[in-house]
Structures are given as C-alpha cells and as structure tokens.
C-alpha cells in the first residue's frame, strides 16, 4: 500500500507568537453570511476585530464598542459547534472553546457593526510549556516521488540584498533560535542561548563559509579522560605531506537521468583557484581519529584538531633547541679543552639552528679513529650526501643550505662503521 501522509493545516491567518496567544486573522466576508470562503489576510480594516485563543478561551477585541455574534463551525461539515450572541456593547468578549477537539480545523465567523468577519483556524491548545502557532504543516513521506519538500520558498526581484528565501527571528528575551534544522527527526531541544540558527546534525556546503570568528567547544568540564599529550607529535607530523592541488568537478545524482548536476558552483571560482591541504588517505594512516568518511564515501580531515598537534610539535622542537644551546654554552666556557682529551667521538648540534643559508657542524674525532664519515639524510631517511672526514680532534664540517629545500634533516657521525650520534637540523626560508 502506498505509504503517504500529507497533513496540510492551512491557516488563513498570520501566526504571530505573542505570549501564549494563537492569533486568528479575520477578513470581511464577501458572501454576506458567516462563511469561511474568503481568504484571510492581515487586519485589512480599522473596523476589523482581532481574535485569538488563549488558555482554552476564544477572545475577540473590537476597535470600538459593538453588539456582536460569534459562530464556530466544523470545517468539514459546516455544522455549528459553538454559537453565542453578546447583546451588550463591548470592546472585548470571550467564550470557552474547551469543548473543541485538539488539532481539528474550524471556521470562525464574527458579526460586528452589522458585518460578518470570517477566519479559519486549527485548534491547538497553548500552555506555559509550549505555545504553538502553525500556519502550514507538511509531513510528506512518499517513496514514489523523486523529490519531497517539507517547505520550499523562493524570493527575488526585491531591492538588492533584501531577498530572503526563509527568514526567522527569535523575539523576546528568552533562549531560542531564529531557524532550527535537524537531520535526526526530532522536534528540537533547549538551545541554551540565543542564536540566529541552530542545526542538529551535519551541515554540508559546496562553497565557502564566511564568518568573523569560529569557536569550538573547549571547556574541560565537558571532557573526560583528559591526559597530557606525550612527545612524538613532531615525528608523526614530519611524515605528513603537504600538497597544492586544484579541485575537479564531479557530478552528483539530481534524480534526473537527462541532466547532470555539478557538485561545486562553477560561478564561485573555487575550481579555478590553487588550494593547499593534506591527503585524507595519508592522515588516516597516522591519525585515524582525525579522518571521517562522509555519507558520500569521501574522506574529510579535521583540520581544527590538528592545531594542538602543531603546538605540541613546536614545544618539542623548542626543547631540542634549548638543549642544543645549553651544549653550546658549555663549549664556550672551556669544556672544549676537556673534550679534546677524550678518546670518544662526539657529535654536536649544528650552529646556527635553524639556519637559512649555511651552518657548521662540530665534532670531536679521536686520533685512533681509522675511518670517519659525516652523512646527511632527509626526514624520510633518504641519504643526501656522505663525506669522509680526514681531520682529527676538533673538526668543523660546513653544510651548504642552498642545496637543501626548507625542512628538517638528520645528520650522523659514523666512526669505524659505528654510528656515534644522530641529530636534527632545520633549514628555513
């Protein structure tokens, strides 16, 4: 059996939320009797009464005192449900509507100043917990249709910059949101603040997102199992490749076999620009928790959470530089003479470090060493050069930075076939 639910509660009134009142807009009847055939609009006349439901009572206000009659009929049968005539002239009248059925549609006819005013409403009880004003409710569940829209609006041809497909405002002083969207089929929750928009679920865009600030929750009270990050971020990040690339357009299914729909907006210029980033497949091998496979099967990288890893790497590099500087200070204070007398080979940190053009690597090679080698590697372990050192005792090895790309390199001192030590050097722009 075809599964379709189409609930259209079309209200012929503007649903203005004020306290817990549900307003019913009234228009002058075009047929001379109490009928709901006329379309509702905003208050079209200074003589039009104002009607609303509050606390299970129908309240009607008139601009001036008048004798009035009120008739409520069933929308489907046009049978009168409630009817009352107020003989005494008044500007405010009210009557109980507690006998009306919840979520049923009714016609309202009000006679004032000898003229009938008509309206249409869906009876929804308002309470302190929930005030509901519904002008249009559409629940569409039709598997035989290519497209289902809960709401579809188009705006245009107004003043430049003043066209809104959807506009929502949260009024008053309490918490809320102007627009709420959810992919989880819920009816919302306490927003905990005032927001222009709140989305419960993933948000996807094929173009740029503009913002003056981007804040990520970072309150320790919302976290569990917090631990200080251990050293090792620098080594891990050195395995990550940084790429420059261009985006390629790809087609997405738009439900129409005769045409294709491009994922990116061709007019935005995003396809013409050079971009910089990482490979999701590569990051997945090193930091799998930072990679997500989207619903479309493609990988995304959480660049925001890579920032703490970069900070940790900077701290590790700073520690290494501090240790190197401490060793250099010892050399300046006279330990050089003591080192000359040792029978052990020693490799020191290059100076300066980091360096732009050239640097010097100092080492101590005892006289009894038969063969000494200075070897330079990139961070992946590929050997760049390996020089035989013929001098002994205090030795200085110049390194030409012009032949090296900016990055981190490793260098080793090898004596008689054994690695004495390996250190890092940093070449910068």
Protein backbone atom coordinates (compact mmCIF):
# COMPACT_ATOMS: atom_id res chain seq x y z
CA UNK A 1 0.00 0.00 0.00
CA UNK A 2 1.32 3.37 -0.99
CA UNK A 3 2.70 4.99 2.12
CA UNK A 4 1.93 8.68 2.09
CA UNK A 5 1.00 11.09 4.81
CA UNK A 6 0.11 14.60 3.71
CA UNK A 7 -1.13 16.80 6.52
CA UNK A 8 -1.99 20.28 5.37
CA UNK A 9 -3.23 22.52 8.10
CA UNK A 10 -3.55 25.69 6.05
CA UNK A 11 -4.18 28.62 8.35
CA UNK A 12 -5.77 31.67 6.74
CA UNK A 13 -4.17 33.88 9.35
CA UNK A 14 -0.70 35.20 10.25
CA UNK A 15 0.65 33.13 13.10
CA UNK A 16 2.17 35.74 15.36
CA UNK A 17 3.66 34.44 18.61
CA UNK A 18 2.83 36.76 21.49
CA UNK A 19 2.99 35.25 24.97
CA UNK A 20 0.79 32.08 24.70
CA UNK A 21 -1.78 33.51 22.26
CA UNK A 22 -2.68 31.89 18.96
CA UNK A 23 -3.98 34.65 16.71
CA UNK A 24 -6.72 34.15 14.11
CA UNK A 25 -6.73 36.64 11.28
CA UNK A 26 -10.14 37.79 10.12
CA UNK A 27 -11.29 39.30 6.83
CA UNK A 28 -14.57 40.75 5.75
CA UNK A 29 -16.90 38.13 4.28
CA UNK A 30 -17.54 38.51 0.54
CA UNK A 31 -20.78 36.49 0.58
CA UNK A 32 -22.71 38.41 3.23
CA UNK A 33 -23.03 35.44 5.57
CA UNK A 34 -20.91 33.65 8.09
CA UNK A 35 -18.75 31.56 5.74
CA UNK A 36 -15.05 30.90 5.53
CA UNK A 37 -14.80 31.09 1.74
CA UNK A 38 -12.90 34.38 1.85
CA UNK A 39 -9.15 34.20 2.11
CA UNK A 40 -7.67 35.52 5.30
CA UNK A 41 -5.23 38.37 5.37
CA UNK A 42 -3.76 40.80 7.80
CA UNK A 43 -6.09 43.21 9.52
CA UNK A 44 -7.46 44.90 6.42
CA UNK A 45 -9.68 47.46 8.11
CA UNK A 46 -9.67 49.62 11.21
CA UNK A 47 -13.06 48.09 11.97
CA UNK A 48 -11.80 44.51 11.77
CA UNK A 49 -11.99 42.61 15.07
CA UNK A 50 -8.88 40.88 16.49
CA UNK A 51 -9.32 37.24 17.52
CA UNK A 52 -7.04 34.88 19.39
CA UNK A 53 -7.16 31.74 21.53
CA UNK A 54 -5.59 31.82 24.98
CA UNK A 55 -5.99 29.37 27.86
CA UNK A 56 -8.83 27.48 26.11
CA UNK A 57 -10.81 30.67 25.55
CA UNK A 58 -11.60 32.49 22.33
CA UNK A 59 -11.02 36.19 22.86
CA UNK A 60 -12.19 38.89 20.46
CA UNK A 61 -11.28 42.57 20.61
CA UNK A 62 -13.12 45.32 18.74
CA UNK A 63 -11.79 48.79 17.93
CA UNK A 64 -14.97 50.36 19.42
CA UNK A 65 -17.91 49.04 21.44
CA UNK A 66 -20.43 46.97 19.49
CA UNK A 67 -23.02 44.23 19.73
CA UNK A 68 -21.52 41.02 18.41
CA UNK A 69 -22.30 37.44 17.45
CA UNK A 70 -19.75 34.60 17.31
CA UNK A 71 -20.23 31.31 15.44
CA UNK A 72 -17.74 28.42 15.23
CA UNK A 73 -18.46 25.70 12.67
CA UNK A 74 -16.80 22.43 11.78
CA UNK A 75 -14.66 22.96 8.69
CA UNK A 76 -15.59 19.64 7.08
CA UNK A 77 -19.36 19.64 7.77
CA UNK A 78 -20.05 23.38 8.28
CA UNK A 79 -22.16 22.38 11.32
CA UNK A 80 -22.22 24.96 14.09
CA UNK A 81 -20.24 23.79 17.12
CA UNK A 82 -20.42 26.89 19.28
CA UNK A 83 -22.59 29.97 18.89
CA UNK A 84 -23.08 32.95 21.17
CA UNK A 85 -24.54 36.46 20.86
CA UNK A 86 -23.29 39.27 23.07
CA UNK A 87 -26.15 41.78 23.43
CA UNK A 88 -24.27 44.33 25.49
CA UNK A 89 -21.97 46.59 23.56
CA UNK A 90 -18.33 45.86 24.44
CA UNK A 91 -14.82 46.14 23.05
CA UNK A 92 -13.78 42.73 24.45
CA UNK A 93 -15.68 39.44 24.55
CA UNK A 94 -14.57 35.88 25.25
CA UNK A 95 -16.05 32.40 25.25
CA UNK A 96 -14.78 28.97 26.26
CA UNK A 97 -13.59 26.65 23.50
CA UNK A 98 -12.54 23.81 25.78
CA UNK A 99 -15.07 21.50 24.06
CA UNK A 100 -13.26 21.80 20.72
CA UNK A 101 -11.17 18.85 19.62
CA UNK A 102 -7.41 19.22 19.65
CA UNK A 103 -5.77 19.61 16.21
CA UNK A 104 -9.10 19.95 14.39
CA UNK A 105 -9.90 22.62 11.79
CA UNK A 106 -12.73 25.11 12.42
CA UNK A 107 -14.33 28.15 10.81
CA UNK A 108 -14.86 31.29 12.82
CA UNK A 109 -17.46 33.95 11.94
CA UNK A 110 -17.79 37.18 13.91
CA UNK A 111 -20.57 39.72 13.36
CA UNK A 112 -19.58 43.26 14.30
CA UNK A 113 -21.06 46.57 13.17
CA UNK A 114 -23.55 44.58 11.06
CA UNK A 115 -20.75 42.95 9.03
CA UNK A 116 -19.53 39.38 9.12
CA UNK A 117 -15.80 38.76 9.52
CA UNK A 118 -14.56 35.25 8.79
CA UNK A 119 -11.47 33.20 9.57
CA UNK A 120 -10.10 29.71 9.73
CA UNK A 121 -8.05 28.08 12.48
CA UNK A 122 -6.64 24.80 13.73
CA UNK A 123 -7.39 24.40 17.40
CA UNK A 124 -4.09 23.88 19.24
CA UNK A 125 -4.04 24.27 22.99
CA UNK A 126 -1.28 26.60 24.17
CA UNK A 127 0.33 26.05 27.53
CA UNK A 128 3.09 27.53 29.65
CA UNK A 129 5.39 24.80 28.36
CA UNK A 130 4.62 25.13 24.68
CA UNK A 131 2.99 27.80 22.58
CA UNK A 132 2.31 26.51 19.08
CA UNK A 133 1.33 28.62 16.12
CA UNK A 134 1.16 26.65 12.89
CA UNK A 135 0.25 28.26 9.60
CA UNK A 136 1.36 25.35 7.43
CA UNK A 137 2.37 21.85 8.46
CA UNK A 138 3.51 19.43 5.79
CA UNK A 139 4.58 15.86 6.53
CA UNK A 140 5.47 14.16 3.25
CA UNK A 141 6.59 10.53 3.08
CA UNK A 142 6.19 9.35 -0.49
CA UNK A 143 8.68 6.77 -1.82
CA UNK A 144 7.20 7.07 -5.33
CA UNK A 145 8.32 10.69 -5.70
CA UNK A 146 11.79 11.79 -6.80
CA UNK A 147 11.72 14.83 -4.52
CA UNK A 148 9.93 15.65 -1.26
CA UNK A 149 9.97 19.14 0.22
CA UNK A 150 8.79 19.94 3.73
CA UNK A 151 8.96 23.64 2.80
CA UNK A 152 10.12 25.25 -0.43
CA UNK A 153 10.39 29.03 -0.78
CA UNK A 154 11.85 31.30 -3.45
CA UNK A 155 12.43 35.05 -3.03
CA UNK A 156 13.62 37.53 -5.62
CA UNK A 157 13.26 40.80 -7.52
CA UNK A 158 13.16 42.94 -4.40
CA UNK A 159 15.80 45.52 -3.53
CA UNK A 160 19.37 44.17 -3.89
CA UNK A 161 20.41 42.40 -0.71
CA UNK A 162 16.85 42.20 0.64
CA UNK A 163 15.66 38.88 -0.78
CA UNK A 164 15.21 36.06 1.77
CA UNK A 165 14.04 32.58 0.88
CA UNK A 166 13.47 31.90 4.56
CA UNK A 167 13.61 34.43 7.39
CA UNK A 168 13.27 33.59 11.07
CA UNK A 169 13.54 35.77 14.18
CA UNK A 170 13.54 34.76 17.83
CA UNK A 171 11.84 37.54 19.77
CA UNK A 172 11.63 38.36 23.46
CA UNK A 173 14.43 37.83 25.98
CA UNK A 174 14.34 34.06 26.42
CA UNK A 175 16.61 31.50 24.78
CA UNK A 176 15.76 30.29 21.30
CA UNK A 177 16.78 30.26 17.66
CA UNK A 178 15.53 32.04 14.58
CA UNK A 179 15.87 28.95 12.41
CA UNK A 180 16.15 25.33 13.57
CA UNK A 181 17.18 22.46 11.30
CA UNK A 182 17.61 18.81 12.17
CA UNK A 183 18.55 15.65 10.27
CA UNK A 184 17.52 13.46 13.21
CA UNK A 185 13.72 13.84 13.02
CA UNK A 186 13.47 15.47 16.41
CA UNK A 187 11.32 18.42 17.43
CA UNK A 188 14.14 20.45 18.94
CA UNK A 189 15.63 20.99 22.40
CA UNK A 190 16.59 23.80 24.76
CA UNK A 191 19.13 25.85 22.83
CA UNK A 192 20.92 27.10 25.97
CA UNK A 193 21.30 30.54 24.42
CA UNK A 194 20.05 32.89 21.72
CA UNK A 195 21.10 32.04 18.17
CA UNK A 196 20.20 33.12 14.67
CA UNK A 197 20.34 29.47 13.59
CA UNK A 198 20.79 26.05 15.20
CA UNK A 199 21.39 22.84 13.28
CA UNK A 200 21.16 19.41 14.88
CA UNK A 201 23.23 17.18 12.58
CA UNK A 202 25.89 17.52 9.91
CA UNK A 203 25.98 20.66 7.75
CA UNK A 204 27.19 20.43 4.16
CA UNK A 205 28.06 23.18 1.69
CA UNK A 206 29.59 23.09 -1.78
CA UNK A 207 31.04 26.58 -1.49
CA UNK A 208 32.76 28.87 1.01
CA UNK A 209 31.60 29.60 4.57
CA UNK A 210 32.19 33.16 5.76
CA UNK A 211 32.48 34.04 9.45
CA UNK A 212 34.20 36.66 11.58
CA UNK A 213 35.02 34.01 14.20
CA UNK A 214 34.88 30.24 14.55
CA UNK A 215 34.62 28.82 18.06
CA UNK A 216 34.98 25.17 19.04
CA UNK A 217 33.86 23.90 22.43
CA UNK A 218 36.98 23.52 24.58
CA UNK A 219 35.67 23.60 28.15
CA UNK A 220 37.45 20.98 30.28
CA UNK A 221 34.19 20.43 32.18
CA UNK A 222 32.73 18.87 29.04
CA UNK A 223 35.63 16.44 28.51
CA UNK A 224 36.52 13.11 30.06
CA UNK A 225 39.75 11.07 30.36
CA UNK A 226 41.95 14.11 29.71
CA UNK A 227 45.68 13.30 29.51
CA UNK A 228 48.73 15.37 28.67
CA UNK A 229 49.86 14.63 25.11
CA UNK A 230 53.19 12.79 25.10
CA UNK A 231 56.17 13.64 22.88
CA UNK A 232 56.10 12.24 19.39
CA UNK A 233 53.91 14.72 17.54
CA UNK A 234 56.91 16.18 15.71
CA UNK A 235 57.98 12.78 14.40
CA UNK A 236 54.41 11.95 13.32
CA UNK A 237 53.79 15.27 11.59
CA UNK A 238 57.09 15.02 9.73
CA UNK A 239 55.55 12.03 7.93
CA UNK A 240 52.69 14.19 6.66
CA UNK A 241 52.94 15.57 3.14
CA UNK A 242 51.55 18.99 2.27
CA UNK A 243 50.05 19.29 -1.21
CA UNK A 244 48.97 22.02 -3.55
CA UNK A 245 46.13 20.99 -5.84
CA UNK A 246 43.16 22.03 -7.90
CA UNK A 247 39.60 20.80 -7.39
CA UNK A 248 37.90 18.81 -10.13
CA UNK A 249 34.20 18.98 -10.76
CA UNK A 250 32.22 15.81 -10.29
CA UNK A 251 28.59 15.00 -10.90
CA UNK A 252 26.05 14.22 -8.23
CA UNK A 253 22.70 12.48 -8.65
CA UNK A 254 19.88 15.01 -9.03
CA UNK A 255 17.18 12.45 -9.74
CA UNK A 256 17.04 13.29 -13.44
CA UNK A 257 18.80 10.96 -15.87
CA UNK A 258 18.74 13.51 -18.69
CA UNK A 259 20.98 16.08 -16.99
CA UNK A 260 23.91 16.09 -14.57
CA UNK A 261 24.45 18.39 -11.62
CA UNK A 262 27.95 19.58 -10.68
CA UNK A 263 28.94 19.31 -7.03
CA UNK A 264 30.75 22.67 -6.98
CA UNK A 265 29.34 26.01 -8.04
CA UNK A 266 31.07 26.84 -11.33
CA UNK A 267 30.47 30.57 -10.85
CA UNK A 268 32.18 30.76 -7.45
CA UNK A 269 35.71 30.50 -8.87
CA UNK A 270 36.59 27.68 -6.46
CA UNK A 271 37.57 25.41 -9.36
CA UNK A 272 39.99 27.98 -10.79
CA UNK A 273 41.99 28.53 -7.60
CA UNK A 274 45.07 26.68 -6.33
CA UNK A 275 44.39 25.01 -2.99
CA UNK A 276 46.64 23.69 -0.21
CA UNK A 277 45.94 20.81 2.11
CA UNK A 278 46.58 17.24 3.19
CA UNK A 279 45.64 13.82 1.90
CA UNK A 280 42.87 12.16 3.88
CA UNK A 281 44.23 8.73 2.98
CA UNK A 282 47.69 9.66 4.36
CA UNK A 283 46.35 11.24 7.57
CA UNK A 284 44.17 8.17 8.10
CA UNK A 285 47.33 6.07 8.47
CA UNK A 286 48.91 8.41 11.03
CA UNK A 287 45.95 9.99 12.86
CA UNK A 288 42.87 7.86 12.05
CA UNK A 289 40.72 9.75 14.59
CA UNK A 290 41.10 12.94 12.57
CA UNK A 291 39.62 11.42 9.40
CA UNK A 292 35.92 10.85 8.74
CA UNK A 293 34.34 9.05 5.83
CA UNK A 294 31.38 11.17 4.80
CA UNK A 295 27.97 9.85 3.82
CA UNK A 296 29.01 10.21 0.17
CA UNK A 297 32.01 7.92 0.72
CA UNK A 298 34.71 10.62 0.57
CA UNK A 299 37.23 11.40 3.32
CA UNK A 300 37.35 14.62 5.36
CA UNK A 301 40.15 15.82 7.66
CA UNK A 302 39.54 17.58 10.97
CA UNK A 303 41.99 20.43 10.47
CA UNK A 304 40.89 22.14 13.70
CA UNK A 305 42.14 19.31 15.92
CA UNK A 306 45.47 19.28 14.08
CA UNK A 307 46.25 22.66 15.66
CA UNK A 308 47.02 21.12 19.12
CA UNK A 309 49.36 18.64 17.41
CA UNK A 310 51.21 21.52 15.75
CA UNK A 311 51.51 23.29 19.10
CA UNK A 312 52.91 20.13 20.69
CA UNK A 313 55.41 19.78 17.83
CA UNK A 314 56.61 23.35 18.32
CA UNK A 315 57.12 22.65 22.02
CA UNK A 316 59.16 19.53 21.24
CA UNK A 317 61.31 21.43 18.74
CA UNK A 318 61.82 24.25 21.24
CA UNK A 319 63.03 21.75 23.84
CA UNK A 320 65.58 20.34 21.39
CA UNK A 321 66.82 23.82 20.54
CA UNK A 322 67.17 24.72 24.22
CA UNK A 323 69.25 21.60 24.84
CA UNK A 324 71.46 22.44 21.87
CA UNK A 325 72.00 25.99 23.10
CA UNK A 326 72.94 24.64 26.53
CA UNK A 327 75.60 22.43 24.94
CA UNK A 328 76.99 25.39 23.02
CA UNK A 329 77.25 27.42 26.19
CA UNK A 330 79.29 24.63 27.78
CA UNK A 331 81.67 24.71 24.83
CA UNK A 332 82.11 28.45 25.24
CA UNK A 333 83.07 28.10 28.90
CA UNK A 334 86.12 25.93 28.38
CA UNK A 335 84.86 22.37 28.14
CA UNK A 336 86.32 22.28 24.64
CA UNK A 337 89.80 21.58 26.10
CA UNK A 338 88.48 18.73 28.17
CA UNK A 339 86.73 17.23 25.17
CA UNK A 340 89.96 17.28 23.16
CA UNK A 341 91.50 14.90 25.64
CA UNK A 342 88.72 12.31 25.41
CA UNK A 343 89.11 9.11 23.43
CA UNK A 344 85.42 9.09 22.49
CA UNK A 345 83.96 10.61 19.32
CA UNK A 346 81.39 13.38 19.93
CA UNK A 347 78.85 15.00 17.57
CA UNK A 348 77.48 18.48 18.38
CA UNK A 349 74.39 20.34 17.24
CA UNK A 350 74.84 22.43 14.11
CA UNK A 351 75.08 26.20 14.50
CA UNK A 352 73.07 28.17 13.81
CA UNK A 353 69.94 26.07 14.05
CA UNK A 354 67.56 26.76 12.40
CA UNK A 355 69.60 28.22 9.51
CA UNK A 356 68.82 29.82 6.16
CA UNK A 357 71.98 29.62 4.04
CA UNK A 358 74.84 27.78 5.74
CA UNK A 359 75.68 26.19 9.07
CA UNK A 360 78.60 24.47 10.78
CA UNK A 361 78.57 21.01 12.35
CA UNK A 362 81.28 20.50 15.00
CA UNK A 363 82.50 17.13 16.18
CA UNK A 364 85.39 15.50 18.06
CA UNK A 365 87.18 12.62 16.30
CA UNK A 366 89.93 10.92 18.30
CA UNK A 367 93.31 10.24 16.65
CA UNK A 368 92.85 6.48 16.90
CA UNK A 369 89.77 6.52 14.60
CA UNK A 370 90.66 4.95 11.25
CA UNK A 371 87.61 5.97 9.23
CA UNK A 372 85.13 8.79 9.95
CA UNK A 373 82.02 9.69 7.90
CA UNK A 374 79.58 12.60 8.03
CA UNK A 375 76.20 11.61 6.48
CA UNK A 376 73.18 13.82 5.80
CA UNK A 377 69.64 12.44 5.33
CA UNK A 378 66.19 13.91 4.65
CA UNK A 379 63.49 13.13 7.21
CA UNK A 380 62.25 10.11 5.27
CA UNK A 381 65.71 8.52 5.67
CA UNK A 382 66.97 9.09 2.12
CA UNK A 383 70.71 9.80 2.08
CA UNK A 384 71.61 13.18 0.56
CA UNK A 385 75.39 13.03 0.95
CA UNK A 386 78.08 11.15 2.88
CA UNK A 387 81.53 12.75 3.31
CA UNK A 388 84.72 11.12 4.55
CA UNK A 389 86.41 13.16 7.31
CA UNK A 390 90.19 13.12 7.24
CA UNK A 391 90.86 15.60 10.08
CA UNK A 392 91.01 14.55 13.72
CA UNK A 393 90.40 16.11 17.16
CA UNK A 394 88.20 19.24 16.78
CA UNK A 395 86.59 19.14 13.36
CA UNK A 396 84.23 21.62 11.71
CA UNK A 397 82.06 20.49 8.78
CA UNK A 398 80.38 23.20 6.65
CA UNK A 399 76.87 22.50 5.34
CA UNK A 400 75.65 24.40 2.28
CA UNK A 401 71.96 25.22 2.75
CA UNK A 402 71.41 26.41 -0.82
CA UNK A 403 71.23 22.83 -1.99
CA UNK A 404 68.57 21.90 0.56
CA UNK A 405 64.83 22.50 0.49
CA UNK A 406 63.32 24.07 3.64
CA UNK A 407 62.56 21.34 6.16
CA UNK A 408 64.03 19.09 8.85
CA UNK A 409 67.10 16.94 8.14
CA UNK A 410 69.06 14.30 10.04
CA UNK A 411 72.85 14.08 10.19
CA UNK A 412 75.06 11.36 11.66
CA UNK A 413 78.72 10.86 12.63
CA UNK A 414 79.98 7.36 11.84
CA UNK A 415 83.40 6.16 13.06
CA UNK A 416 84.90 2.80 12.11
CA UNK A 417 81.50 1.54 10.94
CA UNK A 418 79.52 2.56 14.06
CA UNK A 419 77.06 5.44 14.41
CA UNK A 420 78.31 7.81 17.10
CA UNK A 421 75.23 10.04 17.20
CA UNK A 422 72.39 11.42 15.04
CA UNK A 423 70.89 14.89 15.34
CA UNK A 424 68.33 17.10 13.62
CA UNK A 425 68.96 20.32 11.71
CA UNK A 426 66.28 22.73 10.43
CA UNK A 427 66.57 24.62 7.14
CA UNK A 428 64.17 27.58 6.87
CA UNK A 429 63.30 30.05 4.10
